[in-house]
């Protein structure tokens, strides 16, 4: 019997497969790792600094330059205590407009330039570090571990309510990669919400970047087993090529925490895979978004195994054909834009590319929300 072997292709991809031949329950169980990645968690704990769990006030954030953060206390889950973190940078002039940004998998908020761009356009900028990511990680938790995307509704609801209470009356949700899936799923489940008025998705994770057979057979089997064995893990061999194209110590220009956004990613619980799979199915079944929506993606995907300059000119995490396919299936006022030479996180692309991203993004915002008569 030949078994399925799962690998990580880069720092942000959930998983890919090589040598997919057969997929049986026995093959699956042979590949599961119950113990998990203790070494990774120890590295993460070494950086973690606990903050009080209360939703009382903002404190200065380590990003400096006027960034603040608030710890959001959330109901305990199957791992125990849970918190999320709301980061804020207010526009220089008083404004009633805001954006709430949600990061992707294996990620946290560090994109200062993006916040400053929104501030320059008169928007108060907010970002969430979701539960079990970045600033919100607690020492007893499995990094990124959820069993349903709906769990994130708790911090999204609370953050949006806080943003409204701070006198913001035009709020745009924005998500990158898995954050794009999370915010799209939230939008289709909250068609009549008065807490947000637009949606921007930056390379949303609408489909696993896998072969047709693996997507249609392998992932559903993993998802099924995830219902009964949510803590069983898929082992993987990491590749940091995408991360190498980003980080200032390698080939990129961005300085971020390698403990919170590691190029060696942790093993994934089956419960997490089930959560992603169910959310992807949900947006395909409902497929209606009640607010103006902008979906951005690169013009090409990169499938190379080792780093080259091509990683600086395409999406090395997701298949852009999948993004286009499922973006076009969404009903409503949906605008889809292809970005030439954009990388997976489009706003981290080379400067000429990301300047074009911002031009398109703010043109769309002004057309849909800031019309002058």
Foldseek 3Di string as FASTA:
>chain_A
DDAWAWAALWLAFQIETDPDDDYDPVSVVVQWDLVWDVVLLVLLVVPADDDDADQDDWDDDPLDPQKTKGKHWDDADPQGGKIKMKIWHAAPDDAQAEEEEEEGPLDADDCVVVCVLCSVVVYIYMYMQFIQFDNGNDSSDDRPDDLALCVRVRVVVVVLVVSVVVNHQEYEYEYAACGLLSVLLVQLVCLPDSSYAEYEYQLYNLARAYDPCCRVPVLVVLLVVCVVFQSIWGDYDFDHQLVLCDDPVHNHDDHDDCSRNNRDDITHGSSVSNNSVVSSVSCLVSQEGNHAYEYEAEPAEDDDSHHDCLQLFHEPHHGVVSVVVSQVSHDDNYHYDYFGRAYSRRCRHPPVRNVVVSVVVVVVCCVRPVDDD
